[in-house]
Amino acid sequence: MTPDQFVAKWKPAQLKERSAAQEHWIDVCRMLGQPTPAEADPTGDFYCFERGAEKQGGGDGWADVWFKDHFAVEYKRKRKDLEQAYAQLNLYRESLGNPLCSEVFL
């Protein structure tokens, strides 16, 4: 997938986070020539979608994309508060091994 194809597909998208996040990440991988989580790690031990984690202060959360010792990503719909998404992800970053945290608008 080229950058132009990526933009053409995702710029008009009106999908909700849950409906689009995994496909969007797969397209990011394709565009960058990198393996998807299932291609790189068929067991989900170090790279996966929806990685469960304990939140600081109690409760559980889910990182939308997690790559052990590298990063965690939290997706949000367009026009959502990215500061809130970042704070959400930071609640369970320790449980995820303290990865670099990022958030993405769809």
PDB file of N, CA and C in Angstrom:
ATOM      1  N   MET A   1       0.844  -1.176   0.000  1.00  0.00           N
ATOM      2  CA  MET A   1       0.000   0.000   0.000  1.00  0.00           C
ATOM      3  C   MET A   1       0.887   1.236   0.000  1.00  0.00           C
ATOM      4  N   THR A   2       0.616   2.142  -0.899  1.00  0.00           N
ATOM      5  CA  THR A   2       1.377   3.387  -0.965  1.00  0.00           C
ATOM      6  C   THR A   2       0.789   4.407   0.015  1.00  0.00           C
ATOM      7  N   PRO A   3       1.565   5.445   0.351  1.00  0.00           N
ATOM      8  CA  PRO A   3       0.996   6.495   1.197  1.00  0.00           C
ATOM      9  C   PRO A   3      -0.251   7.134   0.583  1.00  0.00           C
ATOM     10  N   ASP A   4      -0.251   7.337  -0.728  1.00  0.00           N
ATOM     11  CA  ASP A   4      -1.428   7.921  -1.374  1.00  0.00           C
ATOM     12  C   ASP A   4      -2.646   7.004  -1.254  1.00  0.00           C
ATOM     13  N   GLN A   5      -2.444   5.718  -1.402  1.00  0.00           N
ATOM     14  CA  GLN A   5      -3.548   4.765  -1.240  1.00  0.00           C
ATOM     15  C   GLN A   5      -4.058   4.762   0.202  1.00  0.00           C
ATOM     16  N   PHE A   6      -3.137   4.844   1.128  1.00  0.00           N
ATOM     17  CA  PHE A   6      -3.505   4.881   2.548  1.00  0.00           C
ATOM     18  C   PHE A   6      -4.381   6.096   2.839  1.00  0.00           C
ATOM     19  N   VAL A   7      -3.924   7.260   2.396  1.00  0.00           N
ATOM     20  CA  VAL A   7      -4.682   8.497   2.634  1.00  0.00           C
ATOM     21  C   VAL A   7      -6.035   8.433   1.938  1.00  0.00           C
ATOM     22  N   ALA A   8      -6.062   7.951   0.705  1.00  0.00           N
ATOM     23  CA  ALA A   8      -7.328   7.863  -0.027  1.00  0.00           C
ATOM     24  C   ALA A   8      -8.331   6.966   0.691  1.00  0.00           C
ATOM     25  N   LYS A   9      -7.840   5.910   1.307  1.00  0.00           N
ATOM     26  CA  LYS A   9      -8.732   4.998   2.027  1.00  0.00           C
ATOM     27  C   LYS A   9      -9.198   5.580   3.350  1.00  0.00           C
ATOM     28  N   TRP A  10      -8.292   6.176   4.119  1.00  0.00           N
ATOM     29  CA  TRP A  10      -8.613   6.541   5.497  1.00  0.00           C
ATOM     30  C   TRP A  10      -9.088   7.975   5.700  1.00  0.00           C
ATOM     31  N   LYS A  11      -8.779   8.883   4.802  1.00  0.00           N
ATOM     32  CA  LYS A  11      -9.230  10.267   4.981  1.00  0.00           C
ATOM     33  C   LYS A  11     -10.755  10.377   5.048  1.00  0.00           C
ATOM     34  N   PRO A  12     -11.496   9.713   4.177  1.00  0.00           N
ATOM     35  CA  PRO A  12     -12.953   9.841   4.255  1.00  0.00           C
ATOM     36  C   PRO A  12     -13.618   8.905   5.275  1.00  0.00           C
ATOM     37  N   ALA A  13     -12.852   8.054   5.915  1.00  0.00           N
ATOM     38  CA  ALA A  13     -13.430   7.049   6.814  1.00  0.00           C
ATOM     39  C   ALA A  13     -14.196   7.703   7.961  1.00  0.00           C
ATOM     40  N   GLN A  14     -15.364   7.165   8.243  1.00  0.00           N
ATOM     41  CA  GLN A  14     -16.215   7.633   9.336  1.00  0.00           C
ATOM     42  C   GLN A  14     -16.491   6.505  10.338  1.00  0.00           C
ATOM     43  N   LEU A  15     -15.679   5.473  10.305  1.00  0.00           N
ATOM     44  CA  LEU A  15     -15.872   4.308  11.162  1.00  0.00           C
ATOM     45  C   LEU A  15     -15.577   4.627  12.618  1.00  0.00           C
ATOM     46  N   LYS A  16     -16.195   3.884  13.493  1.00  0.00           N
ATOM     47  CA  LYS A  16     -15.907   3.999  14.915  1.00  0.00           C
ATOM     48  C   LYS A  16     -14.582   3.301  15.205  1.00  0.00           C
ATOM     49  N   GLU A  17     -14.013   3.658  16.330  1.00  0.00           N
ATOM     50  CA  GLU A  17     -12.718   3.093  16.727  1.00  0.00           C
ATOM     51  C   GLU A  17     -12.710   1.564  16.653  1.00  0.00           C
ATOM     52  N   ARG A  18     -13.679   0.973  17.260  1.00  0.00           N
ATOM     53  CA  ARG A  18     -13.726  -0.492  17.334  1.00  0.00           C
ATOM     54  C   ARG A  18     -13.833  -1.135  15.946  1.00  0.00           C
ATOM     55  N   SER A  19     -14.502  -0.450  15.030  1.00  0.00           N
ATOM     56  CA  SER A  19     -14.710  -0.983  13.688  1.00  0.00           C
ATOM     57  C   SER A  19     -13.483  -0.845  12.800  1.00  0.00           C
ATOM     58  N   ALA A  20     -12.588   0.073  13.136  1.00  0.00           N
ATOM     59  CA  ALA A  20     -11.523   0.408  12.202  1.00  0.00           C
ATOM     60  C   ALA A  20     -10.095   0.200  12.690  1.00  0.00           C
ATOM     61  N   ALA A  21      -9.866   0.174  13.975  1.00  0.00           N
ATOM     62  CA  ALA A  21      -8.500   0.231  14.505  1.00  0.00           C
ATOM     63  C   ALA A  21      -7.583  -0.862  13.960  1.00  0.00           C
ATOM     64  N   GLN A  22      -8.024  -2.098  13.988  1.00  0.00           N
ATOM     65  CA  GLN A  22      -7.132  -3.179  13.553  1.00  0.00           C
ATOM     66  C   GLN A  22      -6.839  -3.108  12.064  1.00  0.00           C
ATOM     67  N   GLU A  23      -7.849  -2.829  11.262  1.00  0.00           N
ATOM     68  CA  GLU A  23      -7.611  -2.708   9.815  1.00  0.00           C
ATOM     69  C   GLU A  23      -6.687  -1.528   9.517  1.00  0.00           C
ATOM     70  N   HIS A  24      -6.880  -0.433  10.242  1.00  0.00           N
ATOM     71  CA  HIS A  24      -6.014   0.725  10.063  1.00  0.00           C
ATOM     72  C   HIS A  24      -4.562   0.365  10.374  1.00  0.00           C
ATOM     73  N   TRP A  25      -4.340  -0.342  11.492  1.00  0.00           N
ATOM     74  CA  TRP A  25      -2.972  -0.716  11.855  1.00  0.00           C
ATOM     75  C   TRP A  25      -2.376  -1.673  10.811  1.00  0.00           C
ATOM     76  N   ILE A  26      -3.156  -2.597  10.329  1.00  0.00           N
ATOM     77  CA  ILE A  26      -2.672  -3.508   9.287  1.00  0.00           C
ATOM     78  C   ILE A  26      -2.261  -2.718   8.051  1.00  0.00           C
ATOM     79  N   ASP A  27      -3.051  -1.704   7.693  1.00  0.00           N
ATOM     80  CA  ASP A  27      -2.687  -0.868   6.550  1.00  0.00           C
ATOM     81  C   ASP A  27      -1.410  -0.072   6.829  1.00  0.00           C
ATOM     82  N   VAL A  28      -1.218   0.403   8.049  1.00  0.00           N
ATOM     83  CA  VAL A  28       0.034   1.070   8.413  1.00  0.00           C
ATOM     84  C   VAL A  28       1.203   0.110   8.190  1.00  0.00           C
ATOM     85  N   CYS A  29       1.059  -1.124   8.655  1.00  0.00           N
ATOM     86  CA  CYS A  29       2.107  -2.128   8.472  1.00  0.00           C
ATOM     87  C   CYS A  29       2.399  -2.357   6.992  1.00  0.00           C
ATOM     88  N   ARG A  30       1.355  -2.506   6.194  1.00  0.00           N
ATOM     89  CA  ARG A  30       1.518  -2.734   4.751  1.00  0.00           C
ATOM     90  C   ARG A  30       2.230  -1.552   4.094  1.00  0.00           C
ATOM     91  N   MET A  31       1.818  -0.348   4.472  1.00  0.00           N
ATOM     92  CA  MET A  31       2.419   0.848   3.886  1.00  0.00           C
ATOM     93  C   MET A  31       3.904   0.945   4.231  1.00  0.00           C
ATOM     94  N   LEU A  32       4.274   0.550   5.441  1.00  0.00           N
ATOM     95  CA  LEU A  32       5.671   0.636   5.879  1.00  0.00           C
ATOM     96  C   LEU A  32       6.488  -0.610   5.552  1.00  0.00           C
ATOM     97  N   GLY A  33       5.835  -1.618   4.949  1.00  0.00           N
ATOM     98  CA  GLY A  33       6.545  -2.846   4.603  1.00  0.00           C
ATOM     99  C   GLY A  33       6.934  -3.672   5.817  1.00  0.00           C
ATOM    100  N   GLN A  34       6.127  -3.597   6.872  1.00  0.00           N
ATOM    101  CA  GLN A  34       6.399  -4.326   8.107  1.00  0.00           C
ATOM    102  C   GLN A  34       5.358  -5.423   8.308  1.00  0.00           C
ATOM    103  N   PRO A  35       5.708  -6.475   9.025  1.00  0.00           N
ATOM    104  CA  PRO A  35       4.724  -7.531   9.289  1.00  0.00           C
ATOM    105  C   PRO A  35       3.621  -7.048  10.231  1.00  0.00           C
ATOM    106  N   THR A  36       2.450  -7.591  10.052  1.00  0.00           N
ATOM    107  CA  THR A  36       1.339  -7.310  10.962  1.00  0.00           C
ATOM    108  C   THR A  36       1.587  -8.065  12.271  1.00  0.00           C
ATOM    109  N   PRO A  37       0.821  -7.762  13.316  1.00  0.00           N
ATOM    110  CA  PRO A  37       1.014  -8.511  14.556  1.00  0.00           C
ATOM    111  C   PRO A  37       0.915 -10.032  14.383  1.00  0.00           C
ATOM    112  N   ALA A  38      -0.087 -10.517  13.668  1.00  0.00           N
ATOM    113  CA  ALA A  38      -0.247 -11.968  13.502  1.00  0.00           C
ATOM    114  C   ALA A  38       0.861 -12.576  12.650  1.00  0.00           C
ATOM    115  N   GLU A  39       1.396 -11.814  11.711  1.00  0.00           N
ATOM    116  CA  GLU A  39       2.508 -12.323  10.899  1.00  0.00           C
ATOM    117  C   GLU A  39       3.794 -12.388  11.707  1.00  0.00           C
ATOM    118  N   ALA A  40       4.039 -11.365  12.517  1.00  0.00           N
ATOM    119  CA  ALA A  40       5.277 -11.306  13.307  1.00  0.00           C
ATOM    120  C   ALA A  40       5.236 -12.213  14.524  1.00  0.00           C
ATOM    121  N   ASP A  41       4.047 -12.387  15.100  1.00  0.00           N
ATOM    122  CA  ASP A  41       3.916 -13.118  16.355  1.00  0.00           C
ATOM    123  C   ASP A  41       2.593 -13.890  16.384  1.00  0.00           C
ATOM    124  N   PRO A  42       2.543 -15.060  15.759  1.00  0.00           N
ATOM    125  CA  PRO A  42       1.301 -15.835  15.703  1.00  0.00           C
ATOM    126  C   PRO A  42       0.735 -16.232  17.071  1.00  0.00           C
ATOM    127  N   THR A  43       1.537 -16.187  18.117  1.00  0.00           N
ATOM    128  CA  THR A  43       1.055 -16.541  19.456  1.00  0.00           C
ATOM    129  C   THR A  43       0.555 -15.321  20.243  1.00  0.00           C
ATOM    130  N   GLY A  44       0.890 -14.124  19.788  1.00  0.00           N
ATOM    131  CA  GLY A  44       0.496 -12.914  20.498  1.00  0.00           C
ATOM    132  C   GLY A  44       1.276 -12.672  21.773  1.00  0.00           C
ATOM    133  N   ASP A  45       2.420 -13.323  21.917  1.00  0.00           N
ATOM    134  CA  ASP A  45       3.212 -13.181  23.138  1.00  0.00           C
ATOM    135  C   ASP A  45       3.933 -11.843  23.242  1.00  0.00           C
ATOM    136  N   PHE A  46       4.312 -11.246  22.088  1.00  0.00           N
ATOM    137  CA  PHE A  46       5.066  -9.999  22.152  1.00  0.00           C
ATOM    138  C   PHE A  46       4.535  -8.900  21.242  1.00  0.00           C
ATOM    139  N   TYR A  47       3.585  -9.206  20.357  1.00  0.00           N
ATOM    140  CA  TYR A  47       3.048  -8.196  19.444  1.00  0.00           C
ATOM    141  C   TYR A  47       1.624  -8.600  19.101  1.00  0.00           C
ATOM    142  N   CYS A  48       0.654  -7.772  19.492  1.00  0.00           N
ATOM    143  CA  CYS A  48      -0.736  -8.165  19.271  1.00  0.00           C
ATOM    144  C   CYS A  48      -1.685  -6.981  19.357  1.00  0.00           C
ATOM    145  N   PHE A  49      -2.908  -7.235  18.943  1.00  0.00           N
ATOM    146  CA  PHE A  49      -4.013  -6.316  19.155  1.00  0.00           C
ATOM    147  C   PHE A  49      -4.652  -6.650  20.503  1.00  0.00           C
ATOM    148  N   GLU A  50      -5.256  -5.641  21.125  1.00  0.00           N
ATOM    149  CA  GLU A  50      -6.060  -5.833  22.338  1.00  0.00           C
ATOM    150  C   GLU A  50      -5.309  -6.570  23.455  1.00  0.00           C
ATOM    151  N   ARG A  51      -4.180  -6.015  23.824  1.00  0.00           N
ATOM    152  CA  ARG A  51      -3.399  -6.589  24.916  1.00  0.00           C
ATOM    153  C   ARG A  51      -3.983  -6.130  26.251  1.00  0.00           C
ATOM    154  N   GLY A  52      -4.415  -7.058  27.055  1.00  0.00           N
ATOM    155  CA  GLY A  52      -4.966  -6.742  28.367  1.00  0.00           C
ATOM    156  C   GLY A  52      -3.881  -6.321  29.337  1.00  0.00           C
ATOM    157  N   ALA A  53      -4.236  -5.402  30.235  1.00  0.00           N
ATOM    158  CA  ALA A  53      -3.263  -4.910  31.206  1.00  0.00           C
ATOM    159  C   ALA A  53      -3.983  -4.365  32.431  1.00  0.00           C
ATOM    160  N   GLU A  54      -3.333  -4.472  33.581  1.00  0.00           N
ATOM    161  CA  GLU A  54      -3.866  -3.895  34.814  1.00  0.00           C
ATOM    162  C   GLU A  54      -3.604  -2.398  34.821  1.00  0.00           C
ATOM    163  N   LYS A  55      -4.622  -1.631  35.222  1.00  0.00           N
ATOM    164  CA  LYS A  55      -4.475  -0.184  35.334  1.00  0.00           C
ATOM    165  C   LYS A  55      -3.870   0.177  36.682  1.00  0.00           C
ATOM    166  N   GLN A  56      -3.045   1.211  36.692  1.00  0.00           N
ATOM    167  CA  GLN A  56      -2.562   1.744  37.960  1.00  0.00           C
ATOM    168  C   GLN A  56      -3.780   2.229  38.730  1.00  0.00           C
ATOM    169  N   GLY A  57      -3.879   1.880  39.962  1.00  0.00           N
ATOM    170  CA  GLY A  57      -5.022   2.271  40.769  1.00  0.00           C
ATOM    171  C   GLY A  57      -6.163   1.264  40.734  1.00  0.00           C
ATOM    172  N   GLY A  58      -6.019   0.195  39.941  1.00  0.00           N
ATOM    173  CA  GLY A  58      -7.029  -0.852  39.904  1.00  0.00           C
ATOM    174  C   GLY A  58      -7.805  -0.904  38.604  1.00  0.00           C
ATOM    175  N   GLY A  59      -8.330  -2.062  38.334  1.00  0.00           N
ATOM    176  CA  GLY A  59      -9.101  -2.282  37.113  1.00  0.00           C
ATOM    177  C   GLY A  59      -8.238  -2.780  35.967  1.00  0.00           C
ATOM    178  N   ASP A  60      -8.884  -3.062  34.884  1.00  0.00           N
ATOM    179  CA  ASP A  60      -8.193  -3.583  33.711  1.00  0.00           C
ATOM    180  C   ASP A  60      -8.415  -2.667  32.520  1.00  0.00           C
ATOM    181  N   GLY A  61      -7.477  -2.717  31.582  1.00  0.00           N
ATOM    182  CA  GLY A  61      -7.570  -1.952  30.347  1.00  0.00           C
ATOM    183  C   GLY A  61      -7.043  -2.771  29.193  1.00  0.00           C
ATOM    184  N   TRP A  62      -7.107  -2.191  28.016  1.00  0.00           N
ATOM    185  CA  TRP A  62      -6.672  -2.880  26.799  1.00  0.00           C
ATOM    186  C   TRP A  62      -5.910  -1.910  25.919  1.00  0.00           C
ATOM    187  N   ALA A  63      -4.701  -2.258  25.553  1.00  0.00           N
ATOM    188  CA  ALA A  63      -3.958  -1.487  24.560  1.00  0.00           C
ATOM    189  C   ALA A  63      -4.419  -1.964  23.183  1.00  0.00           C
ATOM    190  N   ASP A  64      -4.774  -1.031  22.317  1.00  0.00           N
ATOM    191  CA  ASP A  64      -5.272  -1.418  20.996  1.00  0.00           C
ATOM    192  C   ASP A  64      -4.206  -2.162  20.193  1.00  0.00           C
ATOM    193  N   VAL A  65      -2.967  -1.707  20.277  1.00  0.00           N
ATOM    194  CA  VAL A  65      -1.828  -2.408  19.661  1.00  0.00           C
ATOM    195  C   VAL A  65      -0.699  -2.384  20.676  1.00  0.00           C
ATOM    196  N   TRP A  66      -0.015  -3.499  20.824  1.00  0.00           N
ATOM    197  CA  TRP A  66       1.098  -3.582  21.776  1.00  0.00           C
ATOM    198  C   TRP A  66       2.228  -4.397  21.158  1.00  0.00           C
ATOM    199  N   PHE A  67       3.444  -3.856  21.252  1.00  0.00           N
ATOM    200  CA  PHE A  67       4.650  -4.542  20.803  1.00  0.00           C
ATOM    201  C   PHE A  67       5.637  -4.465  21.969  1.00  0.00           C
ATOM    202  N   LYS A  68       5.858  -5.600  22.604  1.00  0.00           N
ATOM    203  CA  LYS A  68       6.682  -5.672  23.820  1.00  0.00           C
ATOM    204  C   LYS A  68       8.004  -4.942  23.635  1.00  0.00           C
ATOM    205  N   ASP A  69       8.334  -4.144  24.632  1.00  0.00           N
ATOM    206  CA  ASP A  69       9.583  -3.379  24.686  1.00  0.00           C
ATOM    207  C   ASP A  69       9.711  -2.334  23.587  1.00  0.00           C
ATOM    208  N   HIS A  70       8.616  -2.072  22.855  1.00  0.00           N
ATOM    209  CA  HIS A  70       8.673  -1.083  21.782  1.00  0.00           C
ATOM    210  C   HIS A  70       7.602   0.006  21.929  1.00  0.00           C
ATOM    211  N   PHE A  71       6.328  -0.382  21.882  1.00  0.00           N
ATOM    212  CA  PHE A  71       5.278   0.629  21.925  1.00  0.00           C
ATOM    213  C   PHE A  71       3.932   0.023  22.280  1.00  0.00           C
ATOM    214  N   ALA A  72       3.029   0.926  22.656  1.00  0.00           N
ATOM    215  CA  ALA A  72       1.609   0.623  22.810  1.00  0.00           C
ATOM    216  C   ALA A  72       0.856   1.765  22.143  1.00  0.00           C
ATOM    217  N   VAL A  73      -0.264   1.431  21.499  1.00  0.00           N
ATOM    218  CA  VAL A  73      -1.039   2.424  20.763  1.00  0.00           C
ATOM    219  C   VAL A  73      -2.485   2.366  21.218  1.00  0.00           C
ATOM    220  N   GLU A  74      -3.076   3.528  21.403  1.00  0.00           N
ATOM    221  CA  GLU A  74      -4.488   3.645  21.728  1.00  0.00           C
ATOM    222  C   GLU A  74      -5.167   4.439  20.613  1.00  0.00           C
ATOM    223  N   TYR A  75      -6.158   3.837  20.008  1.00  0.00           N
ATOM    224  CA  TYR A  75      -6.917   4.489  18.936  1.00  0.00           C
ATOM    225  C   TYR A  75      -8.110   5.231  19.507  1.00  0.00           C
ATOM    226  N   LYS A  76      -8.485   6.322  18.830  1.00  0.00           N
ATOM    227  CA  LYS A  76      -9.709   7.072  19.150  1.00  0.00           C
ATOM    228  C   LYS A  76     -10.309   7.579  17.840  1.00  0.00           C
ATOM    229  N   ARG A  77     -11.618   7.782  17.865  1.00  0.00           N
ATOM    230  CA  ARG A  77     -12.309   8.356  16.705  1.00  0.00           C
ATOM    231  C   ARG A  77     -11.857   9.786  16.471  1.00  0.00           C
ATOM    232  N   LYS A  78     -12.089  10.274  15.260  1.00  0.00           N
ATOM    233  CA  LYS A  78     -11.800  11.671  14.949  1.00  0.00           C
ATOM    234  C   LYS A  78     -12.520  12.575  15.932  1.00  0.00           C
ATOM    235  N   ARG A  79     -11.865  13.673  16.263  1.00  0.00           N
ATOM    236  CA  ARG A  79     -12.388  14.710  17.144  1.00  0.00           C
ATOM    237  C   ARG A  79     -12.526  14.271  18.606  1.00  0.00           C
ATOM    238  N   LYS A  80     -11.895  13.179  18.976  1.00  0.00           N
ATOM    239  CA  LYS A  80     -11.853  12.776  20.383  1.00  0.00           C
ATOM    240  C   LYS A  80     -10.611  13.389  21.028  1.00  0.00           C
ATOM    241  N   ASP A  81     -10.597  13.434  22.325  1.00  0.00           N
ATOM    242  CA  ASP A  81      -9.522  14.054  23.091  1.00  0.00           C
ATOM    243  C   ASP A  81      -8.308  13.132  23.168  1.00  0.00           C
ATOM    244  N   LEU A  82      -7.229  13.498  22.466  1.00  0.00           N
ATOM    245  CA  LEU A  82      -6.026  12.667  22.492  1.00  0.00           C
ATOM    246  C   LEU A  82      -5.316  12.720  23.834  1.00  0.00           C
ATOM    247  N   GLU A  83      -5.466  13.793  24.557  1.00  0.00           N
ATOM    248  CA  GLU A  83      -4.889  13.852  25.907  1.00  0.00           C
ATOM    249  C   GLU A  83      -5.526  12.775  26.785  1.00  0.00           C
ATOM    250  N   GLN A  84      -6.820  12.592  26.654  1.00  0.00           N
ATOM    251  CA  GLN A  84      -7.527  11.561  27.407  1.00  0.00           C
ATOM    252  C   GLN A  84      -7.063  10.171  26.982  1.00  0.00           C
ATOM    253  N   ALA A  85      -6.862   9.977  25.686  1.00  0.00           N
ATOM    254  CA  ALA A  85      -6.381   8.684  25.189  1.00  0.00           C
ATOM    255  C   ALA A  85      -4.988   8.383  25.740  1.00  0.00           C
ATOM    256  N   TYR A  86      -4.137   9.391  25.739  1.00  0.00           N
ATOM    257  CA  TYR A  86      -2.783   9.215  26.257  1.00  0.00           C
ATOM    258  C   TYR A  86      -2.817   8.903  27.756  1.00  0.00           C
ATOM    259  N   ALA A  87      -3.660   9.616  28.487  1.00  0.00           N
ATOM    260  CA  ALA A  87      -3.791   9.357  29.925  1.00  0.00           C
ATOM    261  C   ALA A  87      -4.313   7.944  30.162  1.00  0.00           C
ATOM    262  N   GLN A  88      -5.259   7.518  29.349  1.00  0.00           N
ATOM    263  CA  GLN A  88      -5.804   6.160  29.468  1.00  0.00           C
ATOM    264  C   GLN A  88      -4.705   5.120  29.282  1.00  0.00           C
ATOM    265  N   LEU A  89      -3.930   5.287  28.257  1.00  0.00           N
ATOM    266  CA  LEU A  89      -2.863   4.332  27.979  1.00  0.00           C
ATOM    267  C   LEU A  89      -1.791   4.349  29.063  1.00  0.00           C
ATOM    268  N   ASN A  90      -1.531   5.506  29.596  1.00  0.00           N
ATOM    269  CA  ASN A  90      -0.539   5.606  30.670  1.00  0.00           C
ATOM    270  C   ASN A  90      -0.982   4.901  31.944  1.00  0.00           C
ATOM    271  N   LEU A  91      -2.283   4.703  32.125  1.00  0.00           N
ATOM    272  CA  LEU A  91      -2.764   3.984  33.310  1.00  0.00           C
ATOM    273  C   LEU A  91      -2.295   2.537  33.326  1.00  0.00           C
ATOM    274  N   TYR A  92      -2.035   1.967  32.163  1.00  0.00           N
ATOM    275  CA  TYR A  92      -1.571   0.575  32.154  1.00  0.00           C
ATOM    276  C   TYR A  92      -0.232   0.372  31.467  1.00  0.00           C
ATOM    277  N   ARG A  93       0.513   1.430  31.300  1.00  0.00           N
ATOM    278  CA  ARG A  93       1.823   1.292  30.657  1.00  0.00           C
ATOM    279  C   ARG A  93       2.795   0.453  31.491  1.00  0.00           C
ATOM    280  N   GLU A  94       2.744   0.568  32.805  1.00  0.00           N
ATOM    281  CA  GLU A  94       3.641  -0.240  33.648  1.00  0.00           C
ATOM    282  C   GLU A  94       3.344  -1.724  33.478  1.00  0.00           C
ATOM    283  N   SER A  95       2.080  -2.071  33.422  1.00  0.00           N
ATOM    284  CA  SER A  95       1.675  -3.466  33.242  1.00  0.00           C
ATOM    285  C   SER A  95       2.104  -4.001  31.877  1.00  0.00           C
ATOM    286  N   LEU A  96       2.283  -3.089  30.906  1.00  0.00           N
ATOM    287  CA  LEU A  96       2.702  -3.474  29.550  1.00  0.00           C
ATOM    288  C   LEU A  96       4.219  -3.447  29.383  1.00  0.00           C
ATOM    289  N   GLY A  97       4.938  -3.221  30.457  1.00  0.00           N
ATOM    290  CA  GLY A  97       6.395  -3.189  30.375  1.00  0.00           C
ATOM    291  C   GLY A  97       6.944  -1.808  30.074  1.00  0.00           C
ATOM    292  N   ASN A  98       6.137  -0.766  30.331  1.00  0.00           N
ATOM    293  CA  ASN A  98       6.554   0.617  30.167  1.00  0.00           C
ATOM    294  C   ASN A  98       6.986   0.959  28.739  1.00  0.00           C
ATOM    295  N   PRO A  99       6.152   0.640  27.748  1.00  0.00           N
ATOM    296  CA  PRO A  99       6.515   0.952  26.360  1.00  0.00           C
ATOM    297  C   PRO A  99       6.312   2.425  26.064  1.00  0.00           C
ATOM    298  N   LEU A 100       6.849   2.869  24.936  1.00  0.00           N
ATOM    299  CA  LEU A 100       6.539   4.186  24.414  1.00  0.00           C
ATOM    300  C   LEU A 100       5.051   4.187  24.082  1.00  0.00           C
ATOM    301  N   CYS A 101       4.319   5.175  24.575  1.00  0.00           N
ATOM    302  CA  CYS A 101       2.867   5.205  24.371  1.00  0.00           C
ATOM    303  C   CYS A 101       2.516   6.244  23.314  1.00  0.00           C
ATOM    304  N   SER A 102       1.532   5.881  22.504  1.00  0.00           N
ATOM    305  CA  SER A 102       1.084   6.768  21.438  1.00  0.00           C
ATOM    306  C   SER A 102      -0.409   6.635  21.262  1.00  0.00           C
ATOM    307  N   GLU A 103      -1.004   7.634  20.652  1.00  0.00           N
ATOM    308  CA  GLU A 103      -2.415   7.593  20.367  1.00  0.00           C
ATOM    309  C   GLU A 103      -2.640   7.997  18.915  1.00  0.00           C
ATOM    310  N   VAL A 104      -3.713   7.485  18.336  1.00  0.00           N
ATOM    311  CA  VAL A 104      -3.982   7.699  16.921  1.00  0.00           C
ATOM    312  C   VAL A 104      -5.441   8.073  16.731  1.00  0.00           C
ATOM    313  N   PHE A 105      -5.679   9.093  15.916  1.00  0.00           N
ATOM    314  CA  PHE A 105      -7.048   9.418  15.500  1.00  0.00           C
ATOM    315  C   PHE A 105      -7.412   8.606  14.287  1.00  0.00           C
ATOM    316  N   LEU A 106      -8.623   8.121  14.219  1.00  0.00           N
ATOM    317  CA  LEU A 106      -9.137   7.465  13.017  1.00  0.00           C
ATOM    318  C   LEU A 106     -10.040   8.425  12.294  1.00  0.00           C
TER     319      LEU A 106
END
